[in-house]
Amino acid sequence: MNKASTGHFFEDFSLGQVLYHAVSRTITEADTSLYTALTGSRFSLYCNKEFAQQLGYAKLPVDNLLLFQIAFGKTVDDISLNAVANLGYAEVEFLEPVFVGDTISVASEVIGLKENSNGKTGIVYVHSKAVNQQGFQVLSWKRWVMVHKRQEGMQNTFAVQPQLANKVSFESLAAPQSFNPAAYDSKLSGESFKLNDYEVGEWIDHIDGLTIDHSEHTMATKLYQNNAKVHFNQHQMSSSKHQKRLVYGGHVISLCRTISHNGLANAQWLAAINGGAHLNPSFAGDTIYAATQVLETQELGSGLGAMRLRTLGYKNCLWQELKPQFERAVKDKAQLPSDFVLDLDYTVLIPS
C-alpha cells in the first residue's frame, strides 16, 4: 500500500466533519521579511517598529494578510489539494494581533456540500479557525471550493448550502486594544488622508501596477506551504485548459492590498474580509492593477474609524479604460470583463 496521500476528493467530505490540519506553524521574522520582499507591502504598522510602538504595540504585529495566507495554506492539503478553483470567501475576521514567535494551528469544519451537474466535481463549504499557542482564536473564515470527484458520476447527495453573512458588522469588529490613535504620525505612514477625508461612493485609482514573475508567485505560495497542484505542477497543468500554472489567488489579494497603499496608506489594520471572488485566473507575466470604492464608513470612537471597501483587481489594463466597462456591466447586471481577476469586499480600521 502506497503511504503517500492523494488528498481529499469530493466523496471524502461529510457534513459536520472536522479536519485538524498539519503542520502547526511558528511565524518567524524571516517569514515577515520574505512576505515584504515578495509583495512589496508598505503599510507602516508592519514594517516600522517605532511607529507600532507609538501606537501601543510592544513589537511589530504580523501583517494580517500574511497570517491569513499562512493559515489558509494549512487547509490546502485536506480541503483543496484536488481543487478546480477556490470560489469565494465570507466572514473573514481577524480577532487578535499575531507576533513573530507565535505558533498558529488551524482546524476546519465542513458546513456545506453540493454536487455539480457535470458529475465530475462538487462544491465544499468549510469554516476554518486559527488559534495561537495559548489557544486564543486569532482568525476565523469561511470559504467554498470546487473539488474534483475521485470517480465521475452523480451520488445524488442532498445539497446543503450554508447561509453566509454578506458582511461583518462594524459593531463586531475586533479593534486592537492597544491602538493609540493620538500618537498617529502621518509623516511615517506616508499620507494624511483619514476617515473623514473619504466619501462613500468615491473611487480611488491606485495607479501603480505590479507584474507577476514566475519565481515570485511560486516562492510566495511556497512561503504559505500551499501545495495546491494548480500552482506548482507544470507537468500536470500542461494538459489543462490553460496549459500553464495558475497564480495563487491569495497572492493576487496581497498584491492588490500592496497597490492600495497609494491612496489608502492609513488603512493600516485589515479587520475583516466580508466577501471575495477570484473572477478570472492570473498567470506569470500579468501586470496587476487595482481600484477601490468606499462603500461605508463609521466612527468607532477613541479616534478610530472603520471603512468598508471594495477593491477590484484587474490585469494588463488601466482603470480609465476599464471603468466604463465595469459601469456598463453593473448597470446591465452582467458578468465583469475577463480583465478583472479579483473582487474583494473588506473592512479596514483607520484613524478618524
Protein backbone atom coordinates (compact mmCIF):
# COMPACT_ATOMS: atom_id res chain seq x y z
CA MET A 1 0.00 0.00 0.00
CA ASN A 2 1.37 3.39 -1.01
CA LYS A 3 1.57 5.58 2.08
CA ALA A 4 1.56 8.88 0.14
CA SER A 5 -1.69 10.84 0.42
CA THR A 6 -3.64 11.80 -2.68
CA GLY A 7 -5.65 14.40 -0.77
CA HIS A 8 -9.41 14.60 -0.27
CA PHE A 9 -11.81 14.29 -3.18
CA PHE A 10 -15.44 15.38 -3.04
CA GLU A 11 -16.59 11.92 -1.90
CA ASP A 12 -14.30 12.12 1.13
CA PHE A 13 -16.13 15.05 2.74
CA SER A 14 -19.16 14.77 5.00
CA LEU A 15 -21.33 17.40 6.62
CA GLY A 16 -20.07 18.30 10.10
CA GLN A 17 -16.69 16.66 9.52
CA VAL A 18 -13.85 18.37 11.42
CA LEU A 19 -10.38 18.38 9.89
CA TYR A 20 -7.34 19.18 12.05
CA HIS A 21 -4.67 20.50 9.70
CA ALA A 22 -0.98 19.71 9.88
CA VAL A 23 1.52 21.22 10.34
CA SER A 24 1.27 23.96 13.01
CA ARG A 25 3.46 26.89 12.01
CA THR A 26 5.64 29.19 14.11
CA ILE A 27 5.88 32.57 12.40
CA THR A 28 9.44 33.87 12.17
CA GLU A 29 11.00 37.21 11.36
CA ALA A 30 12.24 35.64 8.14
CA ASP A 31 8.61 34.95 7.16
CA THR A 32 7.67 38.61 7.58
CA SER A 33 10.74 39.82 5.70
CA LEU A 34 10.13 37.43 2.81
CA TYR A 35 6.47 38.46 2.65
CA THR A 36 7.54 42.10 2.28
CA ALA A 37 10.07 41.14 -0.39
CA LEU A 38 7.52 39.15 -2.41
CA THR A 39 4.59 41.57 -2.15
CA GLY A 40 6.21 44.96 -1.61
CA SER A 41 3.78 45.77 1.21
CA ARG A 42 4.46 49.26 2.63
CA PHE A 43 1.99 49.67 5.49
CA SER A 44 3.94 51.25 8.33
CA LEU A 45 2.33 49.24 11.12
CA TYR A 46 4.06 46.09 9.85
CA CYS A 47 7.48 47.43 8.91
CA ASN A 48 8.28 50.28 11.34
CA LYS A 49 8.89 49.21 14.94
CA GLU A 50 8.89 52.78 16.29
CA PHE A 51 5.59 53.52 14.54
CA ALA A 52 4.00 50.37 16.00
CA GLN A 53 5.30 51.13 19.48
CA GLN A 54 3.96 54.69 19.34
CA LEU A 55 0.53 53.20 18.67
CA GLY A 56 0.78 50.96 21.74
CA TYR A 57 2.17 47.69 20.39
CA ALA A 58 5.05 46.09 22.28
CA LYS A 59 6.53 44.94 18.96
CA LEU A 60 5.70 44.73 15.28
CA PRO A 61 2.48 42.82 14.60
CA VAL A 62 2.42 40.35 11.72
CA ASP A 63 0.57 41.62 8.63
CA ASN A 64 -2.95 40.20 8.82
CA LEU A 65 -2.80 39.07 5.20
CA LEU A 66 0.40 37.11 5.90
CA LEU A 67 -1.43 35.47 8.82
CA PHE A 68 -4.35 34.67 6.52
CA GLN A 69 -2.12 33.21 3.80
CA ILE A 70 -0.22 31.01 6.27
CA ALA A 71 -3.42 29.81 7.96
CA PHE A 72 -5.09 29.24 4.58
CA GLY A 73 -2.07 27.24 3.43
CA LYS A 74 -2.57 24.84 6.36
CA THR A 75 -6.00 23.89 4.97
CA VAL A 76 -4.98 23.16 1.38
CA ASP A 77 -3.71 19.60 1.86
CA ASP A 78 -7.02 18.49 3.40
CA ILE A 79 -9.50 20.65 1.50
CA SER A 80 -8.28 21.98 -1.83
CA LEU A 81 -5.37 19.79 -2.93
CA ASN A 82 -7.65 18.41 -5.66
CA ALA A 83 -9.48 21.67 -6.28
CA VAL A 84 -10.54 23.04 -9.63
CA ALA A 85 -10.84 26.53 -8.15
CA ASN A 86 -11.26 28.40 -4.90
CA LEU A 87 -14.61 30.10 -5.43
CA GLY A 88 -15.00 32.63 -2.66
CA TYR A 89 -14.60 33.84 0.92
CA ALA A 90 -17.00 35.15 3.55
CA GLU A 91 -16.98 36.24 7.18
CA VAL A 92 -13.20 36.51 7.46
CA GLU A 93 -12.49 38.02 10.90
CA PHE A 94 -9.10 38.99 12.29
CA LEU A 95 -9.64 38.67 16.03
CA GLU A 96 -6.27 39.17 17.74
CA PRO A 97 -2.89 40.54 16.65
CA VAL A 98 -0.19 37.95 15.95
CA PHE A 99 3.53 38.47 16.51
CA VAL A 100 6.78 36.84 15.45
CA GLY A 101 7.24 33.73 17.61
CA ASP A 102 3.54 32.86 17.74
CA THR A 103 2.57 29.33 16.63
CA ILE A 104 -0.58 29.02 14.53
CA SER A 105 -2.77 25.90 14.39
CA VAL A 106 -5.84 25.52 12.15
CA ALA A 107 -8.93 23.30 12.07
CA SER A 108 -11.88 23.33 9.65
CA GLU A 109 -15.47 22.12 9.81
CA VAL A 110 -17.39 21.10 6.67
CA ILE A 111 -20.55 23.24 6.71
CA GLY A 112 -21.91 22.58 3.21
CA LEU A 113 -21.73 20.19 0.26
CA LYS A 114 -23.21 20.41 -3.23
CA GLU A 115 -22.66 18.17 -6.27
CA ASN A 116 -22.28 19.78 -9.67
CA SER A 117 -24.45 18.53 -12.52
CA ASN A 118 -21.42 17.56 -14.62
CA GLY A 119 -20.82 14.61 -12.30
CA LYS A 120 -17.12 15.46 -12.19
CA THR A 121 -16.93 17.98 -9.35
CA GLY A 122 -18.66 19.25 -6.24
CA ILE A 123 -18.54 22.33 -4.03
CA VAL A 124 -17.31 22.05 -0.45
CA TYR A 125 -18.02 24.79 2.13
CA VAL A 126 -15.80 24.99 5.21
CA HIS A 127 -15.45 27.13 8.33
CA SER A 128 -11.80 27.39 9.36
CA LYS A 129 -10.39 28.74 12.62
CA ALA A 130 -6.80 29.56 13.55
CA VAL A 131 -5.56 29.68 17.15
CA ASN A 132 -2.23 30.69 18.67
CA GLN A 133 -0.07 28.68 21.06
CA GLN A 134 -2.16 29.88 24.01
CA GLY A 135 -5.37 28.63 22.43
CA PHE A 136 -6.71 32.11 21.62
CA GLN A 137 -8.58 32.32 18.34
CA VAL A 138 -6.83 34.82 16.07
CA LEU A 139 -8.62 34.28 12.77
CA SER A 140 -11.88 32.79 11.50
CA TRP A 141 -13.07 32.43 7.93
CA LYS A 142 -15.45 30.60 5.62
CA ARG A 143 -14.76 29.64 2.04
CA TRP A 144 -16.10 27.41 -0.68
CA VAL A 145 -14.09 25.45 -3.19
CA MET A 146 -14.84 23.31 -6.25
CA VAL A 147 -13.22 19.90 -5.83
CA HIS A 148 -12.72 17.01 -8.25
CA LYS A 149 -14.51 13.72 -7.63
CA ARG A 150 -12.47 10.55 -7.39
CA GLN A 151 -14.96 8.85 -9.74
CA GLU A 152 -17.26 10.57 -12.20
CA GLY A 153 -21.00 10.21 -11.72
CA MET A 154 -23.76 11.64 -9.56
CA GLN A 155 -24.06 10.43 -5.99
CA ASN A 156 -27.40 12.25 -5.66
CA THR A 157 -26.46 13.52 -2.22
CA PHE A 158 -28.67 16.10 -0.52
CA ALA A 159 -27.25 19.56 -1.18
CA VAL A 160 -26.56 21.78 1.83
CA GLN A 161 -25.53 25.37 1.15
CA PRO A 162 -24.90 27.44 4.28
CA GLN A 163 -26.33 30.90 4.76
CA LEU A 164 -23.37 33.27 4.79
CA ALA A 165 -23.47 36.86 6.01
CA ASN A 166 -22.73 39.45 3.33
CA LYS A 167 -20.56 41.45 5.72
CA VAL A 168 -19.00 41.52 9.15
CA SER A 169 -20.84 44.24 11.05
CA PHE A 170 -18.90 47.26 12.25
CA GLU A 171 -20.14 46.54 15.78
CA SER A 172 -18.49 43.11 15.86
CA LEU A 173 -15.08 44.20 14.57
CA ALA A 174 -12.20 43.30 16.86
CA ALA A 175 -10.36 46.59 17.25
CA PRO A 176 -6.82 46.24 18.61
CA GLN A 177 -6.99 47.08 22.31
CA SER A 178 -3.51 48.59 22.32
CA PHE A 179 -4.19 51.02 19.46
CA ASN A 180 -3.34 54.64 20.40
CA PRO A 181 -4.58 56.90 17.60
CA ALA A 182 -3.47 60.04 19.45
CA ALA A 183 0.13 59.10 18.67
CA TYR A 184 -0.55 58.50 14.98
CA ASP A 185 2.09 60.16 12.77
CA SER A 186 1.00 60.70 9.16
CA LYS A 187 4.56 61.59 8.16
CA LEU A 188 5.55 58.00 8.97
CA SER A 189 2.51 56.42 7.31
CA GLY A 190 3.02 58.28 4.03
CA GLU A 191 -0.35 60.06 3.64
CA SER A 192 -2.53 62.49 5.55
CA PHE A 193 -5.94 61.09 4.49
CA LYS A 194 -8.01 59.79 7.40
CA LEU A 195 -11.57 58.53 7.81
CA ASN A 196 -13.35 61.84 7.29
CA ASP A 197 -11.36 62.59 4.13
CA TYR A 198 -13.14 59.76 2.26
CA GLU A 199 -16.64 59.92 0.82
CA VAL A 200 -18.97 56.97 0.42
CA GLY A 201 -19.15 56.05 -3.26
CA GLU A 202 -15.83 57.56 -4.30
CA TRP A 203 -13.38 55.54 -6.37
CA ILE A 204 -9.63 55.54 -5.82
CA ASP A 205 -7.47 54.62 -8.79
CA HIS A 206 -4.32 53.32 -7.12
CA ILE A 207 -2.39 53.85 -10.37
CA ASP A 208 0.55 51.55 -9.59
CA GLY A 209 0.93 48.16 -11.23
CA LEU A 210 2.84 45.03 -10.16
CA THR A 211 3.96 42.45 -12.70
CA ILE A 212 3.84 38.84 -11.52
CA ASP A 213 7.12 36.99 -12.01
CA HIS A 214 7.36 33.18 -12.22
CA SER A 215 9.80 32.99 -9.34
CA GLU A 216 7.97 35.41 -7.06
CA HIS A 217 4.48 33.92 -7.22
CA THR A 218 5.93 30.43 -6.82
CA MET A 219 8.08 31.48 -3.87
CA ALA A 220 5.16 33.30 -2.24
CA THR A 221 2.94 30.23 -2.46
CA LYS A 222 5.72 28.07 -1.03
CA LEU A 223 6.09 30.54 1.84
CA TYR A 224 2.48 29.77 2.77
CA GLN A 225 3.10 25.99 2.37
CA ASN A 226 0.19 25.94 -0.06
CA ASN A 227 0.73 22.78 -2.10
CA ALA A 228 -2.27 23.00 -4.44
CA LYS A 229 -1.25 21.28 -7.67
CA VAL A 230 -2.55 24.02 -9.98
CA HIS A 231 0.14 26.41 -8.70
CA PHE A 232 3.20 24.13 -8.84
CA ASN A 233 2.82 21.22 -11.22
CA GLN A 234 3.51 22.39 -14.77
CA HIS A 235 3.65 18.77 -15.95
CA GLN A 236 0.05 18.33 -14.83
CA MET A 237 -1.15 21.77 -15.91
CA SER A 238 0.24 21.41 -19.45
CA SER A 239 -2.78 19.24 -20.25
CA SER A 240 -5.29 21.61 -18.62
CA LYS A 241 -7.43 24.25 -20.33
CA HIS A 242 -4.89 26.98 -19.61
CA GLN A 243 -1.83 24.78 -20.26
CA LYS A 244 0.12 26.56 -17.53
CA ARG A 245 0.18 27.09 -13.79
CA LEU A 246 -2.27 29.48 -12.14
CA VAL A 247 -1.10 32.16 -9.73
CA TYR A 248 -2.48 31.51 -6.25
CA GLY A 249 -5.42 33.85 -5.76
CA GLY A 250 -4.25 34.80 -2.28
CA HIS A 251 -1.08 36.21 -3.79
CA VAL A 252 -3.23 38.43 -6.02
CA ILE A 253 -5.10 39.63 -2.91
CA SER A 254 -1.78 40.54 -1.28
CA LEU A 255 -0.61 42.38 -4.39
CA CYS A 256 -3.85 44.39 -4.57
CA ARG A 257 -3.52 45.28 -0.90
CA THR A 258 0.06 46.44 -1.58
CA ILE A 259 -1.09 48.54 -4.54
CA SER A 260 -3.89 50.10 -2.45
CA HIS A 261 -1.30 51.77 -0.20
CA ASN A 262 -1.25 54.60 -2.75
CA GLY A 263 -4.46 56.31 -1.63
CA LEU A 264 -5.18 54.21 1.47
CA ALA A 265 -1.88 54.36 3.36
CA ASN A 266 -3.59 54.98 6.69
CA ALA A 267 -5.89 51.97 6.35
CA GLN A 268 -3.36 50.11 8.44
CA TRP A 269 -5.40 47.35 10.05
CA LEU A 270 -7.28 44.80 7.93
CA ALA A 271 -10.15 43.93 10.26
CA ALA A 272 -12.37 41.69 8.12
CA ILE A 273 -12.98 40.33 4.65
CA ASN A 274 -16.72 40.44 4.02
CA GLY A 275 -16.64 38.52 0.79
CA GLY A 276 -14.48 37.93 -2.20
CA ALA A 277 -14.26 36.15 -5.50
CA HIS A 278 -11.47 35.30 -7.92
CA LEU A 279 -13.12 36.31 -11.18
CA ASN A 280 -10.52 35.09 -13.67
CA PRO A 281 -7.13 33.40 -13.39
CA SER A 282 -3.82 35.24 -13.32
CA PHE A 283 -0.58 33.96 -14.80
CA ALA A 284 3.10 34.83 -14.62
CA GLY A 285 3.71 37.89 -16.80
CA ASP A 286 0.39 39.57 -15.95
CA THR A 287 0.55 43.08 -14.51
CA ILE A 288 -1.95 43.62 -11.68
CA TYR A 289 -3.65 46.97 -11.02
CA ALA A 290 -6.35 47.89 -8.53
CA ALA A 291 -9.10 50.42 -7.88
CA THR A 292 -11.10 50.78 -4.68
CA GLN A 293 -14.57 52.11 -3.92
CA VAL A 294 -15.56 53.33 -0.46
CA LEU A 295 -18.79 51.51 0.49
CA GLU A 296 -19.40 52.55 4.11
CA THR A 297 -17.69 54.50 6.88
CA GLN A 298 -18.30 54.69 10.61
CA GLU A 299 -16.71 56.32 13.63
CA LEU A 300 -15.81 53.72 16.26
CA GLY A 301 -14.76 56.16 18.96
CA SER A 302 -11.43 56.96 20.60
CA GLY A 303 -10.10 58.43 17.37
CA LEU A 304 -10.61 55.25 15.33
CA GLY A 305 -12.93 54.59 12.42
CA ALA A 306 -13.93 51.75 10.09
CA MET A 307 -14.22 51.77 6.30
CA ARG A 308 -15.82 49.08 4.23
CA LEU A 309 -14.09 48.93 0.85
CA ARG A 310 -14.48 47.16 -2.46
CA THR A 311 -11.21 46.60 -4.29
CA LEU A 312 -11.23 45.40 -7.87
CA GLY A 313 -8.05 43.79 -9.14
CA TYR A 314 -7.52 43.69 -12.90
CA LYS A 315 -4.70 42.83 -15.24
CA ASN A 316 -2.89 44.45 -18.15
CA CYS A 317 -5.30 47.42 -18.36
CA LEU A 318 -5.68 50.88 -16.82
CA TRP A 319 -8.68 51.95 -14.74
CA GLN A 320 -9.74 54.70 -17.13
CA GLU A 321 -10.05 52.02 -19.82
CA LEU A 322 -11.98 49.54 -17.65
CA LYS A 323 -14.22 51.79 -15.57
CA PRO A 324 -16.80 52.39 -18.36
CA GLN A 325 -16.95 48.64 -18.99
CA PHE A 326 -17.37 47.99 -15.28
CA GLU A 327 -20.19 50.54 -15.01
CA ARG A 328 -22.00 49.02 -18.02
CA ALA A 329 -21.68 45.53 -16.53
CA VAL A 330 -23.10 46.74 -13.22
CA LYS A 331 -25.96 48.57 -14.95
CA ASP A 332 -26.82 45.54 -17.11
CA LYS A 333 -26.22 43.07 -14.22
CA ALA A 334 -23.77 41.32 -16.49
CA GLN A 335 -20.55 39.47 -15.86
CA LEU A 336 -17.47 41.64 -15.46
CA PRO A 337 -14.97 41.65 -18.34
CA SER A 338 -12.26 38.98 -18.30
CA ASP A 339 -9.64 41.62 -17.41
CA PHE A 340 -10.93 41.56 -13.81
CA VAL A 341 -9.26 38.98 -11.60
CA LEU A 342 -10.44 39.91 -8.09
CA ASP A 343 -13.49 41.43 -6.43
CA LEU A 344 -12.79 41.87 -2.72
CA ASP A 345 -15.14 43.39 -0.13
CA TYR A 346 -13.30 44.09 3.13
CA THR A 347 -13.17 46.36 6.16
CA VAL A 348 -10.19 48.33 7.46
CA LEU A 349 -9.57 50.37 10.60
CA ILE A 350 -8.26 53.89 10.08
CA PRO A 351 -7.66 56.95 12.30
CA SER A 352 -10.56 59.39 12.23
